[in-house]
Protein backbone atom coordinates (compact mmCIF):
# COMPACT_ATOMS: atom_id res chain seq x y z
CA MET A 1 -3.27 115.11 93.29
CA LYS A 2 -6.83 115.74 94.38
CA PHE A 3 -8.45 118.76 96.07
CA ALA A 4 -11.87 118.85 97.72
CA LEU A 5 -14.09 121.92 97.35
CA VAL A 6 -15.99 122.44 100.61
CA GLY A 7 -18.47 125.14 101.53
CA PRO A 8 -21.88 125.94 102.97
CA PRO A 9 -25.02 125.93 100.80
CA GLN A 10 -25.30 128.94 98.46
CA SER A 11 -21.59 129.74 98.83
CA GLY A 12 -21.02 129.49 95.07
CA LYS A 13 -18.77 126.46 95.50
CA SER A 14 -20.39 124.39 92.74
CA THR A 15 -20.41 127.39 90.39
CA LEU A 16 -16.66 127.75 90.97
CA PHE A 17 -16.15 124.02 90.39
CA SER A 18 -17.95 124.28 87.03
CA ALA A 19 -16.03 127.41 86.05
CA VAL A 20 -12.62 125.90 86.82
CA THR A 21 -13.22 122.40 85.47
CA GLY A 22 -15.74 123.01 82.68
CA GLU A 23 -18.02 120.34 84.18
CA GLN A 24 -21.60 121.58 84.26
CA PRO A 25 -24.03 120.47 86.99
CA ASP A 26 -26.53 117.72 86.24
CA PRO A 27 -29.94 118.69 87.70
CA GLY A 28 -30.85 115.00 87.84
CA HIS A 29 -27.96 114.30 90.22
CA ALA A 30 -28.19 117.18 92.65
CA GLY A 31 -26.31 116.62 95.91
CA VAL A 32 -23.93 114.09 94.34
CA GLU A 33 -20.19 114.62 94.59
CA ARG A 34 -18.57 115.54 91.27
CA LEU A 35 -15.00 114.77 90.19
CA ALA A 36 -13.13 116.44 87.33
CA SER A 37 -9.56 116.86 86.13
CA VAL A 38 -8.09 120.29 85.36
CA LEU A 39 -4.93 121.30 83.52
CA VAL A 40 -2.32 123.28 85.46
CA PRO A 41 -1.62 126.50 83.49
CA ASP A 42 2.05 126.86 82.60
CA ASN A 43 3.34 129.63 80.31
CA ARG A 44 6.68 127.84 80.07
CA LEU A 45 5.02 124.86 78.43
CA ASP A 46 3.18 127.18 76.03
CA TYR A 47 6.50 128.73 74.97
CA LEU A 48 8.09 125.32 74.40
CA ALA A 49 5.09 124.12 72.40
CA LYS A 50 5.45 127.09 70.05
CA LEU A 51 9.19 126.43 69.78
CA TYR A 52 9.01 122.69 69.04
CA GLN A 53 5.58 122.42 67.36
CA PRO A 54 5.13 118.91 68.83
CA LYS A 55 2.56 116.33 67.82
CA LYS A 56 1.39 116.17 71.42
CA TYR A 57 1.12 118.77 74.21
CA THR A 58 0.67 117.51 77.79
CA PRO A 59 0.37 119.91 80.76
CA ALA A 60 0.31 118.75 84.38
CA HIS A 61 -3.12 118.23 85.91
CA LEU A 62 -5.00 118.18 89.21
CA GLU A 63 -8.35 116.74 90.22
CA PHE A 64 -11.13 118.60 92.02
CA VAL A 65 -14.00 117.02 93.94
CA ASP A 66 -17.13 119.09 94.54
CA ILE A 67 -18.40 118.11 98.00
CA HIS A 68 -22.11 118.94 98.17
CA GLY A 69 -22.93 121.82 100.50
CA VAL A 70 -24.33 120.77 103.87
CA SER A 71 -25.80 123.07 106.50
CA LEU A 72 -24.20 122.82 109.94
CA ALA A 73 -27.16 124.55 111.60
CA ASP A 74 -28.52 121.31 113.09
CA ALA A 75 -27.42 117.83 114.17
CA HIS A 76 -28.69 116.24 110.94
CA GLY A 77 -26.57 118.56 108.82
CA GLN A 78 -23.52 118.04 111.03
CA ALA A 79 -23.86 114.27 110.68
CA ALA A 80 -24.17 114.55 106.89
CA PHE A 81 -21.12 116.80 106.81
CA ARG A 82 -19.08 114.32 108.84
CA LYS A 83 -20.08 111.55 106.42
CA SER A 84 -18.87 113.59 103.45
CA MET A 85 -15.53 114.12 105.19
CA ASP A 86 -14.59 110.53 104.32
CA THR A 87 -14.07 111.76 100.76
CA VAL A 88 -12.09 114.79 101.93
CA ARG A 89 -9.75 112.56 103.96
CA ARG A 90 -8.75 110.84 100.72
CA CYS A 91 -7.84 114.17 99.10
CA ASP A 92 -4.47 115.90 99.25
CA GLY A 93 -5.80 119.38 99.98
CA VAL A 94 -8.96 121.40 100.60
CA VAL A 95 -10.44 124.53 99.01
CA MET A 96 -12.93 126.17 101.38
CA VAL A 97 -15.44 128.47 99.64
CA VAL A 98 -17.34 131.04 101.70
CA ARG A 99 -19.83 133.67 100.60
CA ALA A 100 -19.30 137.42 100.71
CA PHE A 101 -21.80 138.52 98.04
CA GLU A 102 -25.39 139.73 98.20
CA SER A 103 -28.02 138.16 95.96
CA ASP A 104 -31.79 138.36 95.71
CA SER A 105 -31.94 134.94 94.05
CA ALA A 106 -29.91 132.93 96.61
CA ALA A 107 -30.90 132.93 100.26
CA PRO A 108 -27.88 133.42 102.53
CA TYR A 109 -26.64 130.60 104.73
CA ARG A 110 -27.88 130.99 108.33
CA ASP A 111 -29.61 134.23 107.21
CA ARG A 112 -26.29 136.07 107.20
CA ILE A 113 -23.51 137.16 104.88
CA ASP A 114 -20.48 136.57 107.07
CA PRO A 115 -17.61 134.77 105.30
CA LYS A 116 -15.32 134.88 108.35
CA ALA A 117 -17.95 133.21 110.57
CA ASP A 118 -18.67 130.59 107.88
CA LEU A 119 -14.97 129.80 107.54
CA ASP A 120 -14.48 129.53 111.31
CA GLU A 121 -17.45 127.15 111.48
CA LEU A 122 -16.02 124.90 108.74
CA LEU A 123 -12.57 124.85 110.32
CA LEU A 124 -14.05 124.04 113.71
CA GLU A 125 -15.90 121.04 112.24
CA PHE A 126 -12.61 119.85 110.76
CA ILE A 127 -11.00 120.15 114.20
CA PHE A 128 -13.87 118.25 115.88
CA ALA A 129 -13.63 115.46 113.29
CA ASP A 130 -9.86 115.14 113.79
CA LEU A 131 -10.22 115.27 117.58
CA GLU A 132 -12.66 112.37 117.51
CA GLN A 133 -10.18 110.29 115.50
CA VAL A 134 -7.26 111.21 117.75
CA THR A 135 -9.18 110.43 120.94
CA ASN A 136 -10.16 107.00 119.64
CA ARG A 137 -6.60 106.28 118.60
CA ILE A 138 -5.21 107.30 121.99
CA GLU A 139 -7.58 104.90 123.75
CA LYS A 140 -6.35 102.01 121.57
CA LEU A 141 -2.68 102.92 121.98
CA GLU A 142 -2.96 103.23 125.76
CA LYS A 143 -4.17 99.63 125.89
CA SER A 144 -1.86 98.09 123.29
CA SER A 145 1.32 99.87 124.45
CA GLN A 146 1.06 98.26 127.88
CA LYS A 147 1.90 94.89 126.33
CA PRO A 148 5.58 93.95 125.82
CA THR A 149 5.47 93.57 122.02
CA LYS A 150 8.03 94.25 119.29
CA THR A 151 6.10 97.37 118.26
CA ARG A 152 5.76 98.81 121.76
CA ASP A 153 8.45 101.50 121.35
CA LYS A 154 6.89 102.66 118.09
CA GLU A 155 3.44 102.74 119.70
CA LEU A 156 4.76 104.79 122.61
CA ARG A 157 6.22 107.36 120.22
CA GLU A 158 2.90 107.52 118.37
CA LEU A 159 1.02 107.85 121.67
CA ALA A 160 3.20 110.81 122.69
CA MET A 161 2.51 112.46 119.34
CA MET A 162 -1.24 111.81 119.54
CA ARG A 163 -1.44 113.29 123.02
CA ARG A 164 0.36 116.38 121.79
CA VAL A 165 -1.99 116.60 118.81
CA GLN A 166 -5.02 116.12 121.06
CA ALA A 167 -3.96 119.05 123.26
CA ALA A 168 -3.47 121.23 120.17
CA LEU A 169 -6.88 120.35 118.72
CA GLU A 170 -8.57 121.06 122.04
CA ASN A 171 -7.07 124.55 121.72
CA GLU A 172 -8.35 124.78 118.13
CA ALA A 173 -4.88 124.41 116.58
CA PRO A 174 -4.49 122.15 113.51
CA VAL A 175 -2.78 118.76 113.46
CA ARG A 176 -0.08 120.15 111.14
CA SER A 177 1.14 122.45 113.92
CA GLN A 178 2.37 119.44 115.94
CA ILE A 179 4.18 117.35 113.33
CA GLN A 180 7.88 117.31 114.17
CA ASN A 181 9.55 114.73 111.89
CA ASP A 182 9.06 112.40 108.93
CA GLU A 183 7.89 109.49 111.12
CA GLU A 184 5.13 111.62 112.63
CA ARG A 185 4.20 112.96 109.19
CA THR A 186 3.81 109.40 107.91
CA ILE A 187 1.71 108.36 110.91
CA ALA A 188 -0.54 111.42 110.69
CA GLY A 189 -0.90 111.03 106.93
CA SER A 190 -2.20 107.48 107.33
CA PHE A 191 -5.22 108.83 109.23
CA GLY A 192 -6.12 111.45 106.62
CA PHE A 193 -6.44 114.15 109.26
CA LEU A 194 -8.35 117.08 107.82
CA THR A 195 -6.28 119.76 109.54
CA LEU A 196 -3.05 118.18 108.33
CA LYS A 197 -3.94 119.02 104.74
CA PRO A 198 -3.16 122.38 103.12
CA ILE A 199 -6.28 124.55 103.10
CA LEU A 200 -6.89 127.28 100.54
CA VAL A 201 -9.65 129.79 101.23
CA VAL A 202 -11.83 131.30 98.49
CA ILE A 203 -13.93 134.30 99.50
CA ASN A 204 -16.68 134.53 96.89
CA VAL A 205 -17.30 138.26 96.42
CA GLY A 206 -19.57 140.39 94.27
CA GLU A 207 -18.50 141.74 90.88
CA SER A 208 -17.48 145.14 92.27
CA LYS A 209 -14.93 143.51 94.58
CA VAL A 210 -13.15 141.12 92.19
CA ALA A 211 -10.08 143.34 91.79
CA ASP A 212 -9.80 144.00 95.55
CA PRO A 213 -7.52 142.04 97.89
CA PRO A 214 -9.18 139.45 100.16
CA PRO A 215 -11.14 141.15 102.97
CA PHE A 216 -9.36 138.96 105.54
CA GLU A 217 -6.67 136.30 105.90
CA HIS A 218 -6.74 133.23 108.15
CA SER A 219 -3.71 131.78 109.90
CA HIS A 220 -4.77 128.21 108.96
CA ALA A 221 -4.88 128.99 105.23
CA ALA A 222 -2.04 128.23 102.82
CA ALA A 223 -3.47 130.91 100.50
CA THR A 224 -6.54 133.16 100.38
CA PHE A 225 -8.33 134.39 97.25
CA ALA A 226 -11.09 136.89 96.63
CA LEU A 227 -12.98 136.04 93.45
CA SER A 228 -16.45 135.95 91.98
CA ALA A 229 -17.50 132.43 91.06
CA GLU A 230 -20.19 133.87 88.80
CA ILE A 231 -17.66 136.03 86.94
CA GLU A 232 -15.28 133.06 86.65
CA ALA A 233 -18.12 131.07 85.10
CA GLU A 234 -18.74 133.86 82.59
CA ILE A 235 -15.02 134.01 81.69
CA ALA A 236 -14.97 130.25 81.14
CA GLN A 237 -17.77 130.59 78.58
CA LEU A 238 -16.00 133.28 76.52
CA ASP A 239 -13.87 132.66 73.46
CA GLU A 240 -10.15 132.97 74.16
CA SER A 241 -9.96 136.11 71.98
CA ASP A 242 -12.65 137.88 74.02
CA ARG A 243 -11.22 137.15 77.48
CA PRO A 244 -8.45 139.81 77.65
CA THR A 245 -10.89 142.69 77.09
CA PHE A 246 -13.38 141.27 79.59
CA LEU A 247 -10.66 140.84 82.20
CA GLU A 248 -9.29 144.32 81.58
CA ASP A 249 -12.73 145.83 82.16
CA LEU A 250 -12.79 144.10 85.54
CA GLY A 251 -9.27 145.21 86.44
CA LEU A 252 -7.90 141.65 86.30
CA HIS A 253 -4.78 140.27 84.58
CA GLN A 254 -5.98 136.67 84.43
CA PRO A 255 -8.92 134.57 85.65
CA ALA A 256 -8.77 133.98 89.39
CA GLY A 257 -9.43 130.32 88.70
CA VAL A 258 -6.04 130.08 86.99
CA ARG A 259 -4.33 131.45 90.09
CA LEU A 260 -6.33 129.06 92.27
CA ILE A 261 -5.23 125.99 90.28
CA ARG A 262 -1.61 127.10 90.41
CA ALA A 263 -1.85 127.75 94.17
CA CYS A 264 -3.27 124.26 94.76
CA TYR A 265 -0.33 122.78 92.87
CA ASP A 266 2.12 124.79 94.97
CA ALA A 267 0.34 124.14 98.28
CA VAL A 268 0.97 120.40 98.16
CA GLY A 269 4.66 120.90 97.34
CA LEU A 270 4.56 120.01 93.65
CA ILE A 271 6.82 121.26 90.87
CA SER A 272 7.11 120.50 87.17
CA PHE A 273 10.08 119.48 85.09
CA LEU A 274 9.69 119.66 81.34
CA THR A 275 10.60 117.38 78.44
CA VAL A 276 10.64 118.54 74.85
CA GLY A 277 10.86 117.17 71.34
CA PRO A 278 8.97 116.92 68.05
CA ASP A 279 6.75 114.14 69.39
CA GLU A 280 5.70 115.70 72.69
CA VAL A 281 6.20 118.69 74.96
CA ARG A 282 5.22 117.67 78.47
CA ALA A 283 5.15 118.82 82.10
CA TRP A 284 5.92 116.05 84.60
CA THR A 285 4.78 116.39 88.19
CA ILE A 286 7.15 115.61 91.06
CA ARG A 287 7.48 116.73 94.68
CA LYS A 288 9.95 119.43 95.65
CA GLY A 289 13.25 117.86 96.65
CA GLU A 290 13.10 114.84 94.34
CA THR A 291 16.30 113.89 92.54
CA ALA A 292 17.12 113.45 88.87
CA VAL A 293 16.97 109.67 89.09
CA GLU A 294 13.58 109.85 90.86
CA ALA A 295 12.31 112.22 88.17
CA ALA A 296 13.49 109.77 85.51
CA GLY A 297 11.31 107.12 87.10
CA LYS A 298 8.23 109.31 86.57
CA ILE A 299 8.72 108.88 82.84
CA HIS A 300 9.60 105.17 82.81
CA SER A 301 11.18 102.65 85.16
CA ASP A 302 13.68 101.69 82.41
CA ILE A 303 14.99 105.27 82.28
CA GLN A 304 15.45 105.23 86.05
CA ARG A 305 17.11 101.82 86.02
CA GLY A 306 19.52 102.68 83.18
CA PHE A 307 20.11 106.31 84.21
CA ILE A 308 23.43 107.74 82.96
CA ARG A 309 22.94 111.50 83.24
CA ALA A 310 20.36 114.26 82.89
CA GLU A 311 21.06 116.95 80.32
CA THR A 312 19.47 119.91 82.08
CA VAL A 313 18.80 123.59 81.44
CA ALA A 314 16.68 126.00 83.48
CA PHE A 315 13.70 127.22 81.47
CA ALA A 316 14.65 130.87 82.06
CA ASP A 317 18.09 130.23 80.55
CA LEU A 318 16.59 128.42 77.57
CA GLU A 319 14.10 131.23 76.96
CA ALA A 320 16.84 133.86 77.22
CA ALA A 321 18.89 131.95 74.65
CA VAL A 322 15.76 131.49 72.46
CA ASP A 323 16.21 127.73 71.98
CA MET A 324 18.25 124.71 73.07
CA LYS A 325 20.98 125.36 70.52
CA GLY A 326 21.46 128.86 71.88
CA ALA A 327 21.44 127.60 75.48
CA LYS A 328 24.21 125.11 74.67
CA SER A 329 26.26 127.82 72.96
CA ALA A 330 25.86 130.00 76.05
CA GLY A 331 27.05 127.17 78.30
CA LYS A 332 23.72 126.94 80.15
CA VAL A 333 23.11 123.24 79.56
CA ARG A 334 24.45 121.06 82.38
CA LEU A 335 25.08 117.33 82.76
CA GLU A 336 23.59 116.31 86.11
CA SER A 337 24.02 113.01 87.97
CA LYS A 338 21.53 110.92 89.96
CA PRO A 339 21.62 112.99 93.23
CA TYR A 340 20.84 116.30 91.50
CA VAL A 341 17.74 117.91 93.05
CA VAL A 342 15.41 118.86 90.21
CA GLN A 343 14.24 122.47 90.16
CA ASP A 344 10.86 123.76 89.02
CA GLY A 345 10.99 124.48 85.30
CA ASP A 346 14.07 122.39 84.53
CA VAL A 347 14.04 121.19 80.92
CA ILE A 348 15.59 117.72 81.01
CA ASP A 349 16.73 115.17 78.45
CA PHE A 350 17.55 111.91 80.21
CA ARG A 351 20.39 109.75 78.92
CA PHE A 352 20.07 106.08 79.82
CA ASN A 353 21.09 102.59 78.80
CA VAL A 354 19.25 99.31 79.54
């Protein structure tokens, strides 16, 4: 899964990208999009790693793309921004970073410090970009659906959806507000509509505000965070042993970047099931609602093909019983069949025969 980081110049977006991913900017490649993979923090996996002492430890991961900041103050900047949206369309979600901090060393975007206005401007550009796509598609469908072809009924259904989406966008409502069924979700997904994707908002605040709740929420956002990208960068540079004291001084329980990564994972409907053993403790990524046999296929097609059953225990039950032996003694380990819907944190041992 891939998330795009989008924001105006001087919003602190690239600083946040470096803090979360550990990838430092290259002065020789300024303005170039950067891609990096990040591990999804999971205390359950940490517990299991201590319990099994495996040779290998594999958390889930996400990818972040740092989209270079482009000013929307003129037509040139708007055109450059639209061009960069091609990358965003190929991502699964968006993190919008807006500035709420004062700084003598970084000139404010549009000579203002107004995170709400910056966010509204970004969202409006997303709506304009989607509206352009929808309008073009409607024109094509209106012509093609007049012909008596085998796909005419399907095209008419798509045309009705696109007209509904067009009306919503013209009223500054996102594409996602008009999706009514799986067929429409598939159609809309094929276009990479920007306002179909989950959007997380990061309000980049000054150090004195890092423990405060976000100064505002937006109805289009799946989640909103107030954090200091500069502080997150400092935390990332500290030794693990020094971080708790630093965080405590700031009134924080954990780095905001950790919460952001976890929220991205949740926003796109992902969960983790866990496998354990002396060779490897691993988190496997699946979508909410997937079944045991589908989860087996994430590990290997042979396991899916020869699926017999899934020996399953909820992580909370395993932790309460200390280990797998205790969980079995307590009757918490279940034998699940193919249709079982896997739950987040299930520890599973697949039985199969090929």
